[in-house]
PDB file of N, CA and C in Angstrom:
ATOM      1  N   MET A   1      13.406 342.478  83.496  1.00  0.00           N
ATOM      2  CA  MET A   1      12.130 341.587  84.009  1.00  0.00           C
ATOM      3  C   MET A   1      10.842 342.885  84.425  1.00  0.00           C
ATOM      4  N   LEU A   2       9.686 342.706  84.114  1.00  0.00           N
ATOM      5  CA  LEU A   2       8.762 343.760  84.459  1.00  0.00           C
ATOM      6  C   LEU A   2       7.715 342.888  85.205  1.00  0.00           C
ATOM      7  N   LEU A   3       7.094 343.385  86.347  1.00  0.00           N
ATOM      8  CA  LEU A   3       5.996 342.534  87.057  1.00  0.00           C
ATOM      9  C   LEU A   3       4.845 343.721  86.838  1.00  0.00           C
ATOM     10  N   TRP A   4       3.782 343.371  86.110  1.00  0.00           N
ATOM     11  CA  TRP A   4       2.573 344.134  86.484  1.00  0.00           C
ATOM     12  C   TRP A   4       1.913 343.767  87.405  1.00  0.00           C
ATOM     13  N   LEU A   5       1.642 344.754  88.482  1.00  0.00           N
ATOM     14  CA  LEU A   5       0.425 344.751  89.620  1.00  0.00           C
ATOM     15  C   LEU A   5      -0.605 344.733  88.893  1.00  0.00           C
ATOM     16  N   LEU A   6      -1.494 343.813  88.822  1.00  0.00           N
ATOM     17  CA  LEU A   6      -2.740 343.863  87.965  1.00  0.00           C
ATOM     18  C   LEU A   6      -3.835 344.363  88.672  1.00  0.00           C
ATOM     19  N   ALA A   7      -3.725 345.564  89.538  1.00  0.00           N
ATOM     20  CA  ALA A   7      -4.895 346.104  90.216  1.00  0.00           C
ATOM     21  C   ALA A   7      -5.689 346.999  89.523  1.00  0.00           C
ATOM     22  N   SER A   8      -6.813 346.488  88.999  1.00  0.00           N
ATOM     23  CA  SER A   8      -7.517 347.325  88.252  1.00  0.00           C
ATOM     24  C   SER A   8      -8.202 348.498  88.753  1.00  0.00           C
ATOM     25  N   ALA A   9      -7.542 349.512  89.206  1.00  0.00           N
ATOM     26  CA  ALA A   9      -8.161 350.476  89.943  1.00  0.00           C
ATOM     27  C   ALA A   9      -9.177 351.179  89.392  1.00  0.00           C
ATOM     28  N   VAL A  10      -9.170 351.362  87.954  1.00  0.00           N
ATOM     29  CA  VAL A  10     -10.109 352.150  87.529  1.00  0.00           C
ATOM     30  C   VAL A  10     -11.608 351.641  87.486  1.00  0.00           C
ATOM     31  N   ALA A  11     -11.411 349.925  87.371  1.00  0.00           N
ATOM     32  CA  ALA A  11     -12.905 349.590  87.609  1.00  0.00           C
ATOM     33  C   ALA A  11     -13.336 349.442  88.995  1.00  0.00           C
ATOM     34  N   ALA A  12     -12.287 349.378  89.977  1.00  0.00           N
ATOM     35  CA  ALA A  12     -12.469 349.390  91.231  1.00  0.00           C
ATOM     36  C   ALA A  12     -13.059 350.972  91.403  1.00  0.00           C
ATOM     37  N   GLY A  13     -12.936 351.926  90.951  1.00  0.00           N
ATOM     38  CA  GLY A  13     -13.251 353.137  91.139  1.00  0.00           C
ATOM     39  C   GLY A  13     -12.100 353.897  92.188  1.00  0.00           C
ATOM     40  N   VAL A  14     -11.046 353.589  92.364  1.00  0.00           N
ATOM     41  CA  VAL A  14      -9.984 353.828  93.255  1.00  0.00           C
ATOM     42  C   VAL A  14      -8.756 354.593  92.973  1.00  0.00           C
ATOM     43  N   TYR A  15      -8.939 355.229  91.331  1.00  0.00           N
ATOM     44  CA  TYR A  15      -7.994 355.743  90.877  1.00  0.00           C
ATOM     45  C   TYR A  15      -8.356 357.227  90.238  1.00  0.00           C
ATOM     46  N   CYS A  16      -7.502 358.144  90.596  1.00  0.00           N
ATOM     47  CA  CYS A  16      -8.019 359.542  90.385  1.00  0.00           C
ATOM     48  C   CYS A  16      -7.028 360.024  89.629  1.00  0.00           C
ATOM     49  N   SER A  17      -7.110 359.960  88.072  1.00  0.00           N
ATOM     50  CA  SER A  17      -6.368 360.524  87.536  1.00  0.00           C
ATOM     51  C   SER A  17      -6.082 362.096  87.163  1.00  0.00           C
ATOM     52  N   ASP A  18      -6.710 362.909  87.896  1.00  0.00           N
ATOM     53  CA  ASP A  18      -6.683 364.263  88.187  1.00  0.00           C
ATOM     54  C   ASP A  18      -5.606 364.574  89.068  1.00  0.00           C
ATOM     55  N   CYS A  19      -5.586 363.724  90.193  1.00  0.00           N
ATOM     56  CA  CYS A  19      -4.714 363.954  91.124  1.00  0.00           C
ATOM     57  C   CYS A  19      -3.416 362.800  91.153  1.00  0.00           C
ATOM     58  N   SER A  20      -3.449 362.204  90.089  1.00  0.00           N
ATOM     59  CA  SER A  20      -2.373 360.848  90.164  1.00  0.00           C
ATOM     60  C   SER A  20      -2.158 360.356  91.463  1.00  0.00           C
ATOM     61  N   THR A  21      -3.325 359.613  91.995  1.00  0.00           N
ATOM     62  CA  THR A  21      -3.129 358.595  93.236  1.00  0.00           C
ATOM     63  C   THR A  21      -4.053 357.591  92.851  1.00  0.00           C
ATOM     64  N   GLY A  22      -3.845 356.582  93.933  1.00  0.00           N
ATOM     65  CA  GLY A  22      -4.776 355.377  93.457  1.00  0.00           C
ATOM     66  C   GLY A  22      -4.521 354.318  94.956  1.00  0.00           C
ATOM     67  N   VAL A  23      -5.362 353.457  94.853  1.00  0.00           N
ATOM     68  CA  VAL A  23      -5.092 352.486  95.927  1.00  0.00           C
ATOM     69  C   VAL A  23      -5.009 351.086  95.005  1.00  0.00           C
ATOM     70  N   PHE A  24      -3.538 350.521  95.319  1.00  0.00           N
ATOM     71  CA  PHE A  24      -3.347 349.313  94.540  1.00  0.00           C
ATOM     72  C   PHE A  24      -2.814 348.283  95.557  1.00  0.00           C
ATOM     73  N   PRO A  25      -3.844 347.546  96.092  1.00  0.00           N
ATOM     74  CA  PRO A  25      -3.797 346.369  97.104  1.00  0.00           C
ATOM     75  C   PRO A  25      -2.471 345.540  96.840  1.00  0.00           C
ATOM     76  N   GLU A  26      -2.248 344.962  95.857  1.00  0.00           N
ATOM     77  CA  GLU A  26      -0.978 344.132  95.537  1.00  0.00           C
ATOM     78  C   GLU A  26       0.329 345.059  96.037  1.00  0.00           C
ATOM     79  N   PHE A  27       0.471 346.239  95.557  1.00  0.00           N
ATOM     80  CA  PHE A  27       1.521 347.059  95.943  1.00  0.00           C
ATOM     81  C   PHE A  27       1.814 347.208  97.375  1.00  0.00           C
ATOM     82  N   ALA A  28       0.537 347.428  97.922  1.00  0.00           N
ATOM     83  CA  ALA A  28       0.330 347.759  99.542  1.00  0.00           C
ATOM     84  C   ALA A  28       1.069 346.521 100.088  1.00  0.00           C
ATOM     85  N   MET A  29       0.841 345.253  99.630  1.00  0.00           N
ATOM     86  CA  MET A  29       1.311 344.033 100.373  1.00  0.00           C
ATOM     87  C   MET A  29       2.979 343.841 100.183  1.00  0.00           C
ATOM     88  N   MET A  30       3.507 344.818  99.526  1.00  0.00           N
ATOM     89  CA  MET A  30       4.822 344.463  99.428  1.00  0.00           C
ATOM     90  C   MET A  30       5.601 345.116 100.501  1.00  0.00           C
ATOM     91  N   ASN A  31       6.489 344.444 101.149  1.00  0.00           N
ATOM     92  CA  ASN A  31       7.367 344.736 102.433  1.00  0.00           C
ATOM     93  C   ASN A  31       8.508 345.618 102.150  1.00  0.00           C
ATOM     94  N   HIS A  32       9.084 346.202 103.159  1.00  0.00           N
ATOM     95  CA  HIS A  32      10.263 347.381 103.020  1.00  0.00           C
ATOM     96  C   HIS A  32      11.265 346.349 103.200  1.00  0.00           C
ATOM     97  N   SER A  33      12.234 346.925 102.499  1.00  0.00           N
ATOM     98  CA  SER A  33      13.763 346.787 102.559  1.00  0.00           C
ATOM     99  C   SER A  33      14.573 347.829 102.627  1.00  0.00           C
ATOM    100  N   CYS A  34      15.352 348.118 103.236  1.00  0.00           N
ATOM    101  CA  CYS A  34      16.826 349.015 103.136  1.00  0.00           C
ATOM    102  C   CYS A  34      17.451 349.116 101.790  1.00  0.00           C
ATOM    103  N   VAL A  35      17.276 347.563 101.239  1.00  0.00           N
ATOM    104  CA  VAL A  35      17.898 347.297 100.118  1.00  0.00           C
ATOM    105  C   VAL A  35      16.998 346.499  98.999  1.00  0.00           C
ATOM    106  N   PRO A  36      15.907 347.547  98.708  1.00  0.00           N
ATOM    107  CA  PRO A  36      14.928 346.567  97.948  1.00  0.00           C
ATOM    108  C   PRO A  36      15.270 346.066  96.532  1.00  0.00           C
ATOM    109  N   ASN A  37      14.748 345.218  96.266  1.00  0.00           N
ATOM    110  CA  ASN A  37      14.902 344.300  94.913  1.00  0.00           C
ATOM    111  C   ASN A  37      13.817 344.749  93.816  1.00  0.00           C
ATOM    112  N   THR A  38      13.543 346.019  93.876  1.00  0.00           N
ATOM    113  CA  THR A  38      12.418 346.446  92.866  1.00  0.00           C
ATOM    114  C   THR A  38      12.857 347.951  92.863  1.00  0.00           C
ATOM    115  N   ALA A  39      12.697 348.559  91.750  1.00  0.00           N
ATOM    116  CA  ALA A  39      12.824 350.038  91.559  1.00  0.00           C
ATOM    117  C   ALA A  39      11.770 350.742  91.993  1.00  0.00           C
ATOM    118  N   ALA A  40      11.843 352.335  92.048  1.00  0.00           N
ATOM    119  CA  ALA A  40      10.535 353.013  92.248  1.00  0.00           C
ATOM    120  C   ALA A  40       9.427 352.801  91.450  1.00  0.00           C
ATOM    121  N   PRO A  41       8.308 352.683  91.973  1.00  0.00           N
ATOM    122  CA  PRO A  41       7.167 352.210  91.142  1.00  0.00           C
ATOM    123  C   PRO A  41       6.688 353.441  90.222  1.00  0.00           C
ATOM    124  N   VAL A  42       6.100 352.975  89.116  1.00  0.00           N
ATOM    125  CA  VAL A  42       5.597 354.113  88.137  1.00  0.00           C
ATOM    126  C   VAL A  42       4.028 354.114  87.862  1.00  0.00           C
ATOM    127  N   LEU A  43       3.637 355.354  88.252  1.00  0.00           N
ATOM    128  CA  LEU A  43       1.958 355.157  88.132  1.00  0.00           C
ATOM    129  C   LEU A  43       1.888 355.311  86.666  1.00  0.00           C
ATOM    130  N   LEU A  44       0.964 354.620  86.132  1.00  0.00           N
ATOM    131  CA  LEU A  44       0.413 354.429  84.610  1.00  0.00           C
ATOM    132  C   LEU A  44      -0.913 354.508  84.862  1.00  0.00           C
ATOM    133  N   PRO A  45      -1.971 355.061  83.912  1.00  0.00           N
ATOM    134  CA  PRO A  45      -2.941 355.052  83.892  1.00  0.00           C
ATOM    135  C   PRO A  45      -3.740 353.747  84.239  1.00  0.00           C
ATOM    136  N   SER A  46      -4.426 353.533  85.280  1.00  0.00           N
ATOM    137  CA  SER A  46      -4.844 352.349  85.764  1.00  0.00           C
ATOM    138  C   SER A  46      -4.064 351.239  86.508  1.00  0.00           C
ATOM    139  N   ARG A  47      -2.543 351.337  86.454  1.00  0.00           N
ATOM    140  CA  ARG A  47      -1.826 350.685  86.684  1.00  0.00           C
ATOM    141  C   ARG A  47      -0.497 351.150  87.509  1.00  0.00           C
ATOM    142  N   LEU A  48       0.172 350.262  88.192  1.00  0.00           N
ATOM    143  CA  LEU A  48       1.241 350.689  88.941  1.00  0.00           C
ATOM    144  C   LEU A  48       2.122 349.698  88.317  1.00  0.00           C
ATOM    145  N   LEU A  49       3.333 350.433  87.712  1.00  0.00           N
ATOM    146  CA  LEU A  49       4.418 349.307  87.347  1.00  0.00           C
ATOM    147  C   LEU A  49       5.446 349.218  88.469  1.00  0.00           C
ATOM    148  N   VAL A  50       5.963 347.889  88.159  1.00  0.00           N
ATOM    149  CA  VAL A  50       7.105 347.609  89.394  1.00  0.00           C
ATOM    150  C   VAL A  50       7.652 346.847  88.574  1.00  0.00           C
ATOM    151  N   ARG A  51       9.274 347.277  88.788  1.00  0.00           N
ATOM    152  CA  ARG A  51      10.170 346.911  87.943  1.00  0.00           C
ATOM    153  C   ARG A  51      11.244 346.206  88.872  1.00  0.00           C
ATOM    154  N   SER A  52      11.868 344.868  88.636  1.00  0.00           N
ATOM    155  CA  SER A  52      12.967 344.471  89.614  1.00  0.00           C
ATOM    156  C   SER A  52      14.234 345.466  89.226  1.00  0.00           C
ATOM    157  N   ALA A  53      14.881 345.403  90.406  1.00  0.00           N
ATOM    158  CA  ALA A  53      16.142 345.972  90.325  1.00  0.00           C
ATOM    159  C   ALA A  53      17.053 345.099  90.260  1.00  0.00           C
ATOM    160  N   VAL A  54      17.113 344.058  90.544  1.00  0.00           N
ATOM    161  CA  VAL A  54      18.190 343.164  90.319  1.00  0.00           C
ATOM    162  C   VAL A  54      17.431 341.615  89.664  1.00  0.00           C
ATOM    163  N   GLN A  55      18.058 340.860  89.376  1.00  0.00           N
ATOM    164  CA  GLN A  55      17.532 339.513  89.052  1.00  0.00           C
ATOM    165  C   GLN A  55      16.810 338.594  90.429  1.00  0.00           C
ATOM    166  N   VAL A  56      15.771 338.537  90.309  1.00  0.00           N
ATOM    167  CA  VAL A  56      15.246 337.754  91.605  1.00  0.00           C
ATOM    168  C   VAL A  56      14.749 336.463  91.432  1.00  0.00           C
ATOM    169  N   PRO A  57      15.152 335.692  92.432  1.00  0.00           N
ATOM    170  CA  PRO A  57      15.286 334.298  92.160  1.00  0.00           C
ATOM    171  C   PRO A  57      13.914 333.876  92.332  1.00  0.00           C
ATOM    172  N   THR A  58      13.070 332.861  91.446  1.00  0.00           N
ATOM    173  CA  THR A  58      11.685 332.472  91.942  1.00  0.00           C
ATOM    174  C   THR A  58      11.440 332.160  93.151  1.00  0.00           C
ATOM    175  N   GLY A  59      10.434 332.587  93.839  1.00  0.00           N
ATOM    176  CA  GLY A  59      10.009 332.400  95.242  1.00  0.00           C
ATOM    177  C   GLY A  59      10.428 333.221  96.169  1.00  0.00           C
ATOM    178  N   GLU A  60      11.420 334.195  95.800  1.00  0.00           N
ATOM    179  CA  GLU A  60      11.788 335.256  96.457  1.00  0.00           C
ATOM    180  C   GLU A  60      10.957 336.372  96.537  1.00  0.00           C
ATOM    181  N   GLU A  61      10.847 337.159  97.721  1.00  0.00           N
ATOM    182  CA  GLU A  61       9.989 338.049  98.079  1.00  0.00           C
ATOM    183  C   GLU A  61      10.290 339.441  97.680  1.00  0.00           C
ATOM    184  N   LEU A  62       9.369 339.895  96.669  1.00  0.00           N
ATOM    185  CA  LEU A  62       9.545 341.302  96.080  1.00  0.00           C
ATOM    186  C   LEU A  62       9.425 342.409  97.020  1.00  0.00           C
ATOM    187  N   THR A  63      10.763 343.379  97.295  1.00  0.00           N
ATOM    188  CA  THR A  63      10.542 344.247  98.320  1.00  0.00           C
ATOM    189  C   THR A  63      10.811 345.662  98.107  1.00  0.00           C
ATOM    190  N   THR A  64      10.282 346.699  98.270  1.00  0.00           N
ATOM    191  CA  THR A  64      10.496 348.093  98.066  1.00  0.00           C
ATOM    192  C   THR A  64      10.849 348.622  99.173  1.00  0.00           C
ATOM    193  N   SER A  65      11.141 350.126  98.833  1.00  0.00           N
ATOM    194  CA  SER A  65      11.695 350.813 100.175  1.00  0.00           C
ATOM    195  C   SER A  65      10.556 351.839 100.500  1.00  0.00           C
ATOM    196  N   TYR A  66      10.168 351.847 101.818  1.00  0.00           N
ATOM    197  CA  TYR A  66       9.072 352.870 102.251  1.00  0.00           C
ATOM    198  C   TYR A  66       9.796 354.331 102.028  1.00  0.00           C
ATOM    199  N   LEU A  67      11.083 354.549 102.216  1.00  0.00           N
ATOM    200  CA  LEU A  67      11.809 355.387 102.462  1.00  0.00           C
ATOM    201  C   LEU A  67      12.235 356.661 101.598  1.00  0.00           C
ATOM    202  N   GLY A  68      11.980 356.217 100.139  1.00  0.00           N
ATOM    203  CA  GLY A  68      12.457 357.303  99.122  1.00  0.00           C
ATOM    204  C   GLY A  68      13.650 357.454  99.172  1.00  0.00           C
ATOM    205  N   LEU A  69      13.879 358.685  98.955  1.00  0.00           N
ATOM    206  CA  LEU A  69      15.548 359.353  99.126  1.00  0.00           C
ATOM    207  C   LEU A  69      15.820 359.152 100.552  1.00  0.00           C
ATOM    208  N   ALA A  70      15.073 359.061 101.362  1.00  0.00           N
ATOM    209  CA  ALA A  70      15.646 358.948 102.937  1.00  0.00           C
ATOM    210  C   ALA A  70      16.550 357.666 103.110  1.00  0.00           C
ATOM    211  N   GLY A  71      16.279 356.510 102.164  1.00  0.00           N
ATOM    212  CA  GLY A  71      16.839 355.387 102.315  1.00  0.00           C
ATOM    213  C   GLY A  71      18.575 355.354 102.307  1.00  0.00           C
ATOM    214  N   GLY A  72      19.050 356.358 101.985  1.00  0.00           N
ATOM    215  CA  GLY A  72      20.398 356.689 101.973  1.00  0.00           C
ATOM    216  C   GLY A  72      21.066 357.261 103.133  1.00  0.00           C
ATOM    217  N   VAL A  73      20.026 357.466 103.952  1.00  0.00           N
ATOM    218  CA  VAL A  73      20.467 357.955 105.387  1.00  0.00           C
ATOM    219  C   VAL A  73      21.042 356.915 106.355  1.00  0.00           C
ATOM    220  N   PRO A  74      21.812 357.178 107.163  1.00  0.00           N
ATOM    221  CA  PRO A  74      22.361 356.127 108.246  1.00  0.00           C
ATOM    222  C   PRO A  74      21.174 355.574 108.787  1.00  0.00           C
ATOM    223  N   MET A  75      21.858 354.247 109.571  1.00  0.00           N
ATOM    224  CA  MET A  75      20.785 353.126 109.628  1.00  0.00           C
ATOM    225  C   MET A  75      19.957 353.781 110.990  1.00  0.00           C
ATOM    226  N   GLN A  76      20.462 354.492 112.058  1.00  0.00           N
ATOM    227  CA  GLN A  76      19.783 354.898 112.990  1.00  0.00           C
ATOM    228  C   GLN A  76      18.653 355.933 112.410  1.00  0.00           C
ATOM    229  N   GLN A  77      18.778 356.703 111.436  1.00  0.00           N
ATOM    230  CA  GLN A  77      17.793 357.511 111.046  1.00  0.00           C
ATOM    231  C   GLN A  77      16.860 356.813 110.185  1.00  0.00           C
ATOM    232  N   ARG A  78      17.185 355.940 109.379  1.00  0.00           N
ATOM    233  CA  ARG A  78      16.194 354.989 108.696  1.00  0.00           C
ATOM    234  C   ARG A  78      15.255 354.451 109.813  1.00  0.00           C
ATOM    235  N   GLN A  79      15.773 353.728 110.920  1.00  0.00           N
ATOM    236  CA  GLN A  79      15.005 353.169 111.870  1.00  0.00           C
ATOM    237  C   GLN A  79      14.296 354.052 112.377  1.00  0.00           C
ATOM    238  N   GLN A  80      14.681 355.563 112.788  1.00  0.00           N
ATOM    239  CA  GLN A  80      13.761 356.368 113.514  1.00  0.00           C
ATOM    240  C   GLN A  80      12.634 356.562 112.594  1.00  0.00           C
ATOM    241  N   LEU A  81      12.733 356.826 111.452  1.00  0.00           N
ATOM    242  CA  LEU A  81      11.723 357.310 110.382  1.00  0.00           C
ATOM    243  C   LEU A  81      10.843 356.103 110.287  1.00  0.00           C
ATOM    244  N   LEU A  82      11.180 355.014 110.106  1.00  0.00           N
ATOM    245  CA  LEU A  82      10.191 353.740 109.914  1.00  0.00           C
ATOM    246  C   LEU A  82       9.394 353.491 111.270  1.00  0.00           C
ATOM    247  N   GLN A  83      10.123 353.807 112.334  1.00  0.00           N
ATOM    248  CA  GLN A  83       9.388 353.652 113.689  1.00  0.00           C
ATOM    249  C   GLN A  83       8.300 354.679 113.702  1.00  0.00           C
ATOM    250  N   GLN A  84       8.489 355.676 113.380  1.00  0.00           N
ATOM    251  CA  GLN A  84       7.785 356.966 113.515  1.00  0.00           C
ATOM    252  C   GLN A  84       6.620 356.656 112.713  1.00  0.00           C
ATOM    253  N   HIS A  85       6.888 356.636 111.153  1.00  0.00           N
ATOM    254  CA  HIS A  85       5.763 356.699 110.146  1.00  0.00           C
ATOM    255  C   HIS A  85       5.081 355.191 109.984  1.00  0.00           C
ATOM    256  N   TYR A  86       5.855 354.153 110.414  1.00  0.00           N
ATOM    257  CA  TYR A  86       5.290 352.775 109.904  1.00  0.00           C
ATOM    258  C   TYR A  86       5.116 351.720 111.083  1.00  0.00           C
ATOM    259  N   ASN A  87       5.848 352.288 112.211  1.00  0.00           N
ATOM    260  CA  ASN A  87       5.723 351.509 113.624  1.00  0.00           C
ATOM    261  C   ASN A  87       6.192 349.964 113.424  1.00  0.00           C
ATOM    262  N   PHE A  88       7.534 349.792 112.934  1.00  0.00           N
ATOM    263  CA  PHE A  88       8.031 348.742 112.828  1.00  0.00           C
ATOM    264  C   PHE A  88       9.668 348.951 112.966  1.00  0.00           C
ATOM    265  N   THR A  89      10.383 348.155 113.168  1.00  0.00           N
ATOM    266  CA  THR A  89      11.797 348.213 113.344  1.00  0.00           C
ATOM    267  C   THR A  89      12.421 347.282 112.005  1.00  0.00           C
ATOM    268  N   CYS A  90      13.120 347.632 111.254  1.00  0.00           N
ATOM    269  CA  CYS A  90      13.277 347.098 110.079  1.00  0.00           C
ATOM    270  C   CYS A  90      14.665 346.061 110.381  1.00  0.00           C
ATOM    271  N   ALA A  91      14.546 344.941 109.758  1.00  0.00           N
ATOM    272  CA  ALA A  91      15.243 343.840 110.116  1.00  0.00           C
ATOM    273  C   ALA A  91      15.928 343.290 108.868  1.00  0.00           C
ATOM    274  N   CYS A  92      15.998 344.170 107.821  1.00  0.00           N
ATOM    275  CA  CYS A  92      16.507 343.723 106.385  1.00  0.00           C
ATOM    276  C   CYS A  92      18.126 343.487 106.368  1.00  0.00           C
ATOM    277  N   GLN A  93      18.753 342.775 105.676  1.00  0.00           N
ATOM    278  CA  GLN A  93      20.051 342.577 105.344  1.00  0.00           C
ATOM    279  C   GLN A  93      20.738 343.896 105.866  1.00  0.00           C
ATOM    280  N   ARG A  94      20.590 344.676 104.943  1.00  0.00           N
ATOM    281  CA  ARG A  94      21.215 345.864 105.323  1.00  0.00           C
ATOM    282  C   ARG A  94      21.473 346.522 106.879  1.00  0.00           C
ATOM    283  N   CYS A  95      20.527 346.457 107.264  1.00  0.00           N
ATOM    284  CA  CYS A  95      20.095 346.837 108.899  1.00  0.00           C
ATOM    285  C   CYS A  95      20.901 345.734 109.797  1.00  0.00           C
ATOM    286  N   LYS A  96      20.707 344.360 109.363  1.00  0.00           N
ATOM    287  CA  LYS A  96      21.577 343.501 110.348  1.00  0.00           C
ATOM    288  C   LYS A  96      23.001 343.543 110.142  1.00  0.00           C
ATOM    289  N   VAL A  97      23.440 344.029 108.909  1.00  0.00           N
ATOM    290  CA  VAL A  97      25.016 344.143 108.776  1.00  0.00           C
ATOM    291  C   VAL A  97      25.635 345.403 109.266  1.00  0.00           C
ATOM    292  N   CYS A  98      24.686 346.341 109.513  1.00  0.00           N
ATOM    293  CA  CYS A  98      24.849 347.449 110.151  1.00  0.00           C
ATOM    294  C   CYS A  98      25.002 347.511 111.720  1.00  0.00           C
ATOM    295  N   GLU A  99      23.921 346.659 112.148  1.00  0.00           N
ATOM    296  CA  GLU A  99      23.934 346.171 113.437  1.00  0.00           C
ATOM    297  C   GLU A  99      24.979 345.787 114.271  1.00  0.00           C
ATOM    298  N   GLN A 100      25.478 344.643 113.306  1.00  0.00           N
ATOM    299  CA  GLN A 100      26.641 343.885 113.760  1.00  0.00           C
ATOM    300  C   GLN A 100      27.769 344.620 113.684  1.00  0.00           C
ATOM    301  N   CYS A 101      27.918 345.628 112.626  1.00  0.00           N
ATOM    302  CA  CYS A 101      29.141 346.504 112.486  1.00  0.00           C
ATOM    303  C   CYS A 101      29.446 347.344 113.703  1.00  0.00           C
ATOM    304  N   LYS A 102      28.087 347.802 114.265  1.00  0.00           N
ATOM    305  CA  LYS A 102      28.108 348.716 115.294  1.00  0.00           C
ATOM    306  C   LYS A 102      28.527 348.115 116.726  1.00  0.00           C
ATOM    307  N   PHE A 103      28.508 346.836 116.715  1.00  0.00           N
ATOM    308  CA  PHE A 103      29.187 346.098 118.206  1.00  0.00           C
ATOM    309  C   PHE A 103      30.373 345.555 117.795  1.00  0.00           C
ATOM    310  N   ALA A 104      31.019 345.545 116.797  1.00  0.00           N
ATOM    311  CA  ALA A 104      32.162 345.089 116.241  1.00  0.00           C
ATOM    312  C   ALA A 104      33.219 345.605 116.830  1.00  0.00           C
TER     313      ALA A 104
END
C-alpha cells in the first residue's frame, strides 16, 4: 500500500533539488510513535513517498518515528531524546508497555 503525500513543494517554491530538502506540510502533521506504522519516508522530486509498514485499518492514524536509528535505544533514552528535541513525552503503545514493565 502506498500513500502519496500530495505536497506540491515545487509549485510552492519550498523544494530544493540541489540540497534535497523540502517542506512537506502533510508529513509534518504525522505524529511520532516508537512503533510507527509507516516506513522511513523517501524523498522524490517534488514529493515525499510514505509507505505503510503494516496493514493500516481505515481511519487509523498514520505515524512515523522522529528518532530514526535512535528508535532502537531503551525507553528512557528515547523519552529523553524526544523531550530534548521535540518537547514531549511519548505515550505510544511501546512506551506504555515499557512503563508498565518497569513497575511490575
